[in-house]
Amino acid sequence: MEGLYWAYIAAGLGAALTVIGGAFGIGKLASAAMEASGRQPEAAGDIRTSMIIAAALIEGISLFALVICILLALK
């Protein structure tokens, strides 16, 4: 039972770090995109498209890491 307890703790910490990292990455991405759009408003459409693609990749990696944490906890 002791090992299972630590597995749940480790999975919870891993999930928390994953969410924090994903949120930090998307926040920095949005900040840079808004600054770039402010500097060159005519390129805002291209910047927005690139930002959405990068945000989707960050969320995909975060979701993958969360699934791994859940699988390790249930093993």
PDB file of N, CA and C in Angstrom:
ATOM      1  N   MET A   1       0.823  -1.202   0.000  1.00  0.00           N
ATOM      2  CA  MET A   1       0.000   0.000   0.000  1.00  0.00           C
ATOM      3  C   MET A   1       0.865   1.263   0.000  1.00  0.00           C
ATOM      4  N   GLU A   2       2.033   1.175   0.636  1.00  0.00           N
ATOM      5  CA  GLU A   2       2.926   2.335   0.725  1.00  0.00           C
ATOM      6  C   GLU A   2       3.384   2.802  -0.664  1.00  0.00           C
ATOM      7  N   GLY A   3       3.727   1.852  -1.536  1.00  0.00           N
ATOM      8  CA  GLY A   3       4.169   2.217  -2.881  1.00  0.00           C
ATOM      9  C   GLY A   3       3.070   2.877  -3.693  1.00  0.00           C
ATOM     10  N   LEU A   4       1.847   2.417  -3.509  1.00  0.00           N
ATOM     11  CA  LEU A   4       0.711   2.999  -4.220  1.00  0.00           C
ATOM     12  C   LEU A   4       0.467   4.439  -3.778  1.00  0.00           C
ATOM     13  N   TYR A   5       0.662   4.694  -2.496  1.00  0.00           N
ATOM     14  CA  TYR A   5       0.520   6.046  -1.968  1.00  0.00           C
ATOM     15  C   TYR A   5       1.504   6.995  -2.650  1.00  0.00           C
ATOM     16  N   TRP A   6       2.752   6.572  -2.753  1.00  0.00           N
ATOM     17  CA  TRP A   6       3.765   7.427  -3.375  1.00  0.00           C
ATOM     18  C   TRP A   6       3.534   7.577  -4.871  1.00  0.00           C
ATOM     19  N   ALA A   7       2.951   6.564  -5.497  1.00  0.00           N
ATOM     20  CA  ALA A   7       2.635   6.670  -6.922  1.00  0.00           C
ATOM     21  C   ALA A   7       1.580   7.750  -7.157  1.00  0.00           C
ATOM     22  N   TYR A   8       0.582   7.804  -6.274  1.00  0.00           N
ATOM     23  CA  TYR A   8      -0.446   8.847  -6.401  1.00  0.00           C
ATOM     24  C   TYR A   8       0.142  10.237  -6.163  1.00  0.00           C
ATOM     25  N   ILE A   9       1.013  10.345  -5.177  1.00  0.00           N
ATOM     26  CA  ILE A   9       1.661  11.642  -4.901  1.00  0.00           C
ATOM     27  C   ILE A   9       2.508  12.074  -6.101  1.00  0.00           C
ATOM     28  N   ALA A  10       3.293  11.158  -6.643  1.00  0.00           N
ATOM     29  CA  ALA A  10       4.153  11.487  -7.785  1.00  0.00           C
ATOM     30  C   ALA A  10       3.327  11.854  -9.016  1.00  0.00           C
ATOM     31  N   ALA A  11       2.230  11.139  -9.251  1.00  0.00           N
ATOM     32  CA  ALA A  11       1.375  11.453 -10.396  1.00  0.00           C
ATOM     33  C   ALA A  11       0.726  12.817 -10.219  1.00  0.00           C
ATOM     34  N   GLY A  12       0.299  13.135  -9.008  1.00  0.00           N
ATOM     35  CA  GLY A  12      -0.286  14.456  -8.746  1.00  0.00           C
ATOM     36  C   GLY A  12       0.713  15.577  -8.935  1.00  0.00           C
ATOM     37  N   LEU A  13       1.925  15.382  -8.448  1.00  0.00           N
ATOM     38  CA  LEU A  13       2.964  16.409  -8.636  1.00  0.00           C
ATOM     39  C   LEU A  13       3.348  16.542 -10.112  1.00  0.00           C
ATOM     40  N   GLY A  14       3.432  15.415 -10.803  1.00  0.00           N
ATOM     41  CA  GLY A  14       3.740  15.468 -12.233  1.00  0.00           C
ATOM     42  C   GLY A  14       2.664  16.194 -13.020  1.00  0.00           C
ATOM     43  N   ALA A  15       1.411  15.930 -12.690  1.00  0.00           N
ATOM     44  CA  ALA A  15       0.306  16.609 -13.366  1.00  0.00           C
ATOM     45  C   ALA A  15       0.325  18.100 -13.066  1.00  0.00           C
ATOM     46  N   ALA A  16       0.602  18.455 -11.812  1.00  0.00           N
ATOM     47  CA  ALA A  16       0.653  19.874 -11.447  1.00  0.00           C
ATOM     48  C   ALA A  16       1.778  20.593 -12.181  1.00  0.00           C
ATOM     49  N   LEU A  17       2.942  19.981 -12.246  1.00  0.00           N
ATOM     50  CA  LEU A  17       4.067  20.604 -12.960  1.00  0.00           C
ATOM     51  C   LEU A  17       3.777  20.719 -14.458  1.00  0.00           C
ATOM     52  N   THR A  18       3.089  19.733 -15.006  1.00  0.00           N
ATOM     53  CA  THR A  18       2.720  19.783 -16.416  1.00  0.00           C
ATOM     54  C   THR A  18       1.787  20.946 -16.702  1.00  0.00           C
ATOM     55  N   VAL A  19       0.781  21.125 -15.865  1.00  0.00           N
ATOM     56  CA  VAL A  19      -0.176  22.210 -16.067  1.00  0.00           C
ATOM     57  C   VAL A  19       0.499  23.564 -15.889  1.00  0.00           C
ATOM     58  N   ILE A  20       1.351  23.676 -14.884  1.00  0.00           N
ATOM     59  CA  ILE A  20       2.061  24.941 -14.649  1.00  0.00           C
ATOM     60  C   ILE A  20       2.978  25.262 -15.830  1.00  0.00           C
ATOM     61  N   GLY A  21       3.695  24.267 -16.323  1.00  0.00           N
ATOM     62  CA  GLY A  21       4.587  24.486 -17.463  1.00  0.00           C
ATOM     63  C   GLY A  21       3.844  24.869 -18.725  1.00  0.00           C
ATOM     64  N   GLY A  22       2.724  24.198 -18.984  1.00  0.00           N
ATOM     65  CA  GLY A  22       1.916  24.527 -20.161  1.00  0.00           C
ATOM     66  C   GLY A  22       1.342  25.936 -20.073  1.00  0.00           C
ATOM     67  N   ALA A  23       0.857  26.294 -18.891  1.00  0.00           N
ATOM     68  CA  ALA A  23       0.303  27.640 -18.708  1.00  0.00           C
ATOM     69  C   ALA A  23       1.383  28.702 -18.868  1.00  0.00           C
ATOM     70  N   PHE A  24       2.553  28.440 -18.341  1.00  0.00           N
ATOM     71  CA  PHE A  24       3.657  29.392 -18.480  1.00  0.00           C
ATOM     72  C   PHE A  24       4.065  29.545 -19.945  1.00  0.00           C
ATOM     73  N   GLY A  25       4.127  28.435 -20.669  1.00  0.00           N
ATOM     74  CA  GLY A  25       4.499  28.481 -22.087  1.00  0.00           C
ATOM     75  C   GLY A  25       3.487  29.231 -22.933  1.00  0.00           C
ATOM     76  N   ILE A  26       2.205  28.964 -22.704  1.00  0.00           N
ATOM     77  CA  ILE A  26       1.173  29.661 -23.476  1.00  0.00           C
ATOM     78  C   ILE A  26       1.130  31.141 -23.096  1.00  0.00           C
ATOM     79  N   GLY A  27       1.379  31.453 -21.834  1.00  0.00           N
ATOM     80  CA  GLY A  27       1.420  32.862 -21.415  1.00  0.00           C
ATOM     81  C   GLY A  27       2.543  33.623 -22.092  1.00  0.00           C
ATOM     82  N   LYS A  28       3.726  33.021 -22.144  1.00  0.00           N
ATOM     83  CA  LYS A  28       4.851  33.680 -22.826  1.00  0.00           C
ATOM     84  C   LYS A  28       4.587  33.798 -24.315  1.00  0.00           C
ATOM     85  N   LEU A  29       3.965  32.783 -24.896  1.00  0.00           N
ATOM     86  CA  LEU A  29       3.629  32.811 -26.317  1.00  0.00           C
ATOM     87  C   LEU A  29       2.658  33.940 -26.628  1.00  0.00           C
ATOM     88  N   ALA A  30       1.613  34.057 -25.825  1.00  0.00           N
ATOM     89  CA  ALA A  30       0.619  35.110 -26.053  1.00  0.00           C
ATOM     90  C   ALA A  30       1.224  36.490 -25.838  1.00  0.00           C
ATOM     91  N   SER A  31       2.087  36.616 -24.842  1.00  0.00           N
ATOM     92  CA  SER A  31       2.743  37.896 -24.587  1.00  0.00           C
ATOM     93  C   SER A  31       3.595  38.332 -25.784  1.00  0.00           C
ATOM     94  N   ALA A  32       4.374  37.398 -26.305  1.00  0.00           N
ATOM     95  CA  ALA A  32       5.218  37.720 -27.457  1.00  0.00           C
ATOM     96  C   ALA A  32       4.379  38.036 -28.691  1.00  0.00           C
ATOM     97  N   ALA A  33       3.288  37.307 -28.877  1.00  0.00           N
ATOM     98  CA  ALA A  33       2.429  37.554 -30.036  1.00  0.00           C
ATOM     99  C   ALA A  33       1.756  38.921 -29.942  1.00  0.00           C
ATOM    100  N   MET A  34       1.304  39.302 -28.767  1.00  0.00           N
ATOM    101  CA  MET A  34       0.663  40.613 -28.603  1.00  0.00           C
ATOM    102  C   MET A  34       1.672  41.744 -28.820  1.00  0.00           C
ATOM    103  N   GLU A  35       2.885  41.544 -28.343  1.00  0.00           N
ATOM    104  CA  GLU A  35       3.919  42.563 -28.557  1.00  0.00           C
ATOM    105  C   GLU A  35       4.260  42.681 -30.045  1.00  0.00           C
ATOM    106  N   ALA A  36       4.354  41.547 -30.728  1.00  0.00           N
ATOM    107  CA  ALA A  36       4.652  41.577 -32.162  1.00  0.00           C
ATOM    108  C   ALA A  36       3.513  42.211 -32.949  1.00  0.00           C
ATOM    109  N   SER A  37       2.277  41.931 -32.550  1.00  0.00           N
ATOM    110  CA  SER A  37       1.131  42.543 -33.235  1.00  0.00           C
ATOM    111  C   SER A  37       1.088  44.045 -33.006  1.00  0.00           C
ATOM    112  N   GLY A  38       1.515  44.476 -31.837  1.00  0.00           N
ATOM    113  CA  GLY A  38       1.560  45.908 -31.556  1.00  0.00           C
ATOM    114  C   GLY A  38       2.633  46.622 -32.368  1.00  0.00           C
ATOM    115  N   ARG A  39       3.725  45.930 -32.608  1.00  0.00           N
ATOM    116  CA  ARG A  39       4.808  46.537 -33.379  1.00  0.00           C
ATOM    117  C   ARG A  39       4.513  46.550 -34.879  1.00  0.00           C
ATOM    118  N   GLN A  40       3.857  45.485 -35.365  1.00  0.00           N
ATOM    119  CA  GLN A  40       3.524  45.396 -36.791  1.00  0.00           C
ATOM    120  C   GLN A  40       2.069  44.957 -36.949  1.00  0.00           C
ATOM    121  N   PRO A  41       1.146  45.899 -36.883  1.00  0.00           N
ATOM    122  CA  PRO A  41      -0.277  45.537 -36.969  1.00  0.00           C
ATOM    123  C   PRO A  41      -0.661  44.879 -38.297  1.00  0.00           C
ATOM    124  N   GLU A  42       0.073  45.176 -39.354  1.00  0.00           N
ATOM    125  CA  GLU A  42      -0.276  44.577 -40.649  1.00  0.00           C
ATOM    126  C   GLU A  42       0.037  43.079 -40.697  1.00  0.00           C
ATOM    127  N   ALA A  43       0.862  42.593 -39.802  1.00  0.00           N
ATOM    128  CA  ALA A  43       1.210  41.165 -39.763  1.00  0.00           C
ATOM    129  C   ALA A  43       0.427  40.411 -38.685  1.00  0.00           C
ATOM    130  N   ALA A  44      -0.603  41.020 -38.129  1.00  0.00           N
ATOM    131  CA  ALA A  44      -1.339  40.422 -37.004  1.00  0.00           C
ATOM    132  C   ALA A  44      -1.987  39.092 -37.384  1.00  0.00           C
ATOM    133  N   GLY A  45      -2.478  38.960 -38.601  1.00  0.00           N
ATOM    134  CA  GLY A  45      -3.120  37.714 -39.028  1.00  0.00           C
ATOM    135  C   GLY A  45      -2.147  36.548 -39.047  1.00  0.00           C
ATOM    136  N   ASP A  46      -0.967  36.775 -39.616  1.00  0.00           N
ATOM    137  CA  ASP A  46       0.054  35.722 -39.658  1.00  0.00           C
ATOM    138  C   ASP A  46       0.546  35.379 -38.258  1.00  0.00           C
ATOM    139  N   ILE A  47       0.705  36.395 -37.427  1.00  0.00           N
ATOM    140  CA  ILE A  47       1.166  36.171 -36.054  1.00  0.00           C
ATOM    141  C   ILE A  47       0.121  35.366 -35.286  1.00  0.00           C
ATOM    142  N   ARG A  48      -1.153  35.701 -35.472  1.00  0.00           N
ATOM    143  CA  ARG A  48      -2.225  34.987 -34.775  1.00  0.00           C
ATOM    144  C   ARG A  48      -2.258  33.521 -35.189  1.00  0.00           C
ATOM    145  N   THR A  49      -2.096  33.262 -36.479  1.00  0.00           N
ATOM    146  CA  THR A  49      -2.097  31.880 -36.965  1.00  0.00           C
ATOM    147  C   THR A  49      -0.944  31.083 -36.366  1.00  0.00           C
ATOM    148  N   SER A  50       0.234  31.678 -36.359  1.00  0.00           N
ATOM    149  CA  SER A  50       1.396  31.009 -35.778  1.00  0.00           C
ATOM    150  C   SER A  50       1.199  30.781 -34.283  1.00  0.00           C
ATOM    151  N   MET A  51       0.594  31.740 -33.597  1.00  0.00           N
ATOM    152  CA  MET A  51       0.367  31.616 -32.165  1.00  0.00           C
ATOM    153  C   MET A  51      -0.606  30.472 -31.877  1.00  0.00           C
ATOM    154  N   ILE A  52      -1.671  30.348 -32.654  1.00  0.00           N
ATOM    155  CA  ILE A  52      -2.651  29.287 -32.432  1.00  0.00           C
ATOM    156  C   ILE A  52      -2.031  27.920 -32.668  1.00  0.00           C
ATOM    157  N   ILE A  53      -1.213  27.785 -33.690  1.00  0.00           N
ATOM    158  CA  ILE A  53      -0.554  26.507 -33.961  1.00  0.00           C
ATOM    159  C   ILE A  53       0.394  26.149 -32.815  1.00  0.00           C
ATOM    160  N   ALA A  54       1.193  27.107 -32.366  1.00  0.00           N
ATOM    161  CA  ALA A  54       2.122  26.842 -31.268  1.00  0.00           C
ATOM    162  C   ALA A  54       1.381  26.526 -29.969  1.00  0.00           C
ATOM    163  N   ALA A  55       0.284  27.218 -29.704  1.00  0.00           N
ATOM    164  CA  ALA A  55      -0.501  26.944 -28.491  1.00  0.00           C
ATOM    165  C   ALA A  55      -1.101  25.542 -28.548  1.00  0.00           C
ATOM    166  N   ALA A  56      -1.543  25.117 -29.712  1.00  0.00           N
ATOM    167  CA  ALA A  56      -2.087  23.764 -29.853  1.00  0.00           C
ATOM    168  C   ALA A  56      -1.006  22.714 -29.597  1.00  0.00           C
ATOM    169  N   LEU A  57       0.202  22.969 -30.069  1.00  0.00           N
ATOM    170  CA  LEU A  57       1.300  22.035 -29.817  1.00  0.00           C
ATOM    171  C   LEU A  57       1.646  21.975 -28.325  1.00  0.00           C
ATOM    172  N   ILE A  58       1.654  23.113 -27.657  1.00  0.00           N
ATOM    173  CA  ILE A  58       1.931  23.140 -26.224  1.00  0.00           C
ATOM    174  C   ILE A  58       0.845  22.382 -25.463  1.00  0.00           C
ATOM    175  N   GLU A  59      -0.398  22.595 -25.818  1.00  0.00           N
ATOM    176  CA  GLU A  59      -1.492  21.894 -25.136  1.00  0.00           C
ATOM    177  C   GLU A  59      -1.448  20.400 -25.427  1.00  0.00           C
ATOM    178  N   GLY A  60      -1.056  20.023 -26.615  1.00  0.00           N
ATOM    179  CA  GLY A  60      -0.938  18.598 -26.941  1.00  0.00           C
ATOM    180  C   GLY A  60       0.125  17.914 -26.101  1.00  0.00           C
ATOM    181  N   ILE A  61       1.256  18.568 -25.946  1.00  0.00           N
ATOM    182  CA  ILE A  61       2.322  18.007 -25.117  1.00  0.00           C
ATOM    183  C   ILE A  61       1.883  17.931 -23.668  1.00  0.00           C
ATOM    184  N   SER A  62       1.191  18.946 -23.191  1.00  0.00           N
ATOM    185  CA  SER A  62       0.696  18.939 -21.810  1.00  0.00           C
ATOM    186  C   SER A  62      -0.314  17.815 -21.593  1.00  0.00           C
ATOM    187  N   LEU A  63      -1.209  17.623 -22.539  1.00  0.00           N
ATOM    188  CA  LEU A  63      -2.193  16.548 -22.426  1.00  0.00           C
ATOM    189  C   LEU A  63      -1.513  15.191 -22.431  1.00  0.00           C
ATOM    190  N   PHE A  64      -0.522  15.010 -23.270  1.00  0.00           N
ATOM    191  CA  PHE A  64       0.228  13.751 -23.318  1.00  0.00           C
ATOM    192  C   PHE A  64       0.898  13.477 -21.973  1.00  0.00           C
ATOM    193  N   ALA A  65       1.507  14.497 -21.387  1.00  0.00           N
ATOM    194  CA  ALA A  65       2.170  14.324 -20.091  1.00  0.00           C
ATOM    195  C   ALA A  65       1.152  14.000 -18.994  1.00  0.00           C
ATOM    196  N   LEU A  66      -0.023  14.616 -19.036  1.00  0.00           N
ATOM    197  CA  LEU A  66      -1.055  14.308 -18.053  1.00  0.00           C
ATOM    198  C   LEU A  66      -1.540  12.868 -18.189  1.00  0.00           C
ATOM    199  N   VAL A  67      -1.693  12.392 -19.400  1.00  0.00           N
ATOM    200  CA  VAL A  67      -2.106  11.003 -19.613  1.00  0.00           C
ATOM    201  C   VAL A  67      -1.044  10.049 -19.069  1.00  0.00           C
ATOM    202  N   ILE A  68       0.220  10.352 -19.290  1.00  0.00           N
ATOM    203  CA  ILE A  68       1.294   9.522 -18.761  1.00  0.00           C
ATOM    204  C   ILE A  68       1.243   9.494 -17.243  1.00  0.00           C
ATOM    205  N   CYS A  69       1.016  10.642 -16.605  1.00  0.00           N
ATOM    206  CA  CYS A  69       0.915  10.694 -15.148  1.00  0.00           C
ATOM    207  C   CYS A  69      -0.248   9.851 -14.637  1.00  0.00           C
ATOM    208  N   ILE A  70      -1.379   9.925 -15.307  1.00  0.00           N
ATOM    209  CA  ILE A  70      -2.550   9.122 -14.892  1.00  0.00           C
ATOM    210  C   ILE A  70      -2.269   7.637 -15.084  1.00  0.00           C
ATOM    211  N   LEU A  71      -1.667   7.265 -16.191  1.00  0.00           N
ATOM    212  CA  LEU A  71      -1.347   5.855 -16.428  1.00  0.00           C
ATOM    213  C   LEU A  71      -0.362   5.314 -15.398  1.00  0.00           C
ATOM    214  N   LEU A  72       0.613   6.117 -15.019  1.00  0.00           N
ATOM    215  CA  LEU A  72       1.567   5.674 -14.009  1.00  0.00           C
ATOM    216  C   LEU A  72       0.908   5.533 -12.637  1.00  0.00           C
ATOM    217  N   ALA A  73      -0.054   6.378 -12.351  1.00  0.00           N
ATOM    218  CA  ALA A  73      -0.733   6.300 -11.060  1.00  0.00           C
ATOM    219  C   ALA A  73      -1.634   5.077 -10.992  1.00  0.00           C
ATOM    220  N   LEU A  74      -2.212   4.683 -12.098  1.00  0.00           N
ATOM    221  CA  LEU A  74      -3.146   3.567 -12.092  1.00  0.00           C
ATOM    222  C   LEU A  74      -2.476   2.209 -12.301  1.00  0.00           C
ATOM    223  N   LYS A  75      -1.188   2.222 -12.564  1.00  0.00           N
ATOM    224  CA  LYS A  75      -0.475   0.977 -12.835  1.00  0.00           C
ATOM    225  C   LYS A  75      -0.195   0.208 -11.570  1.00  0.00           C
TER     226      LYS A  75
END
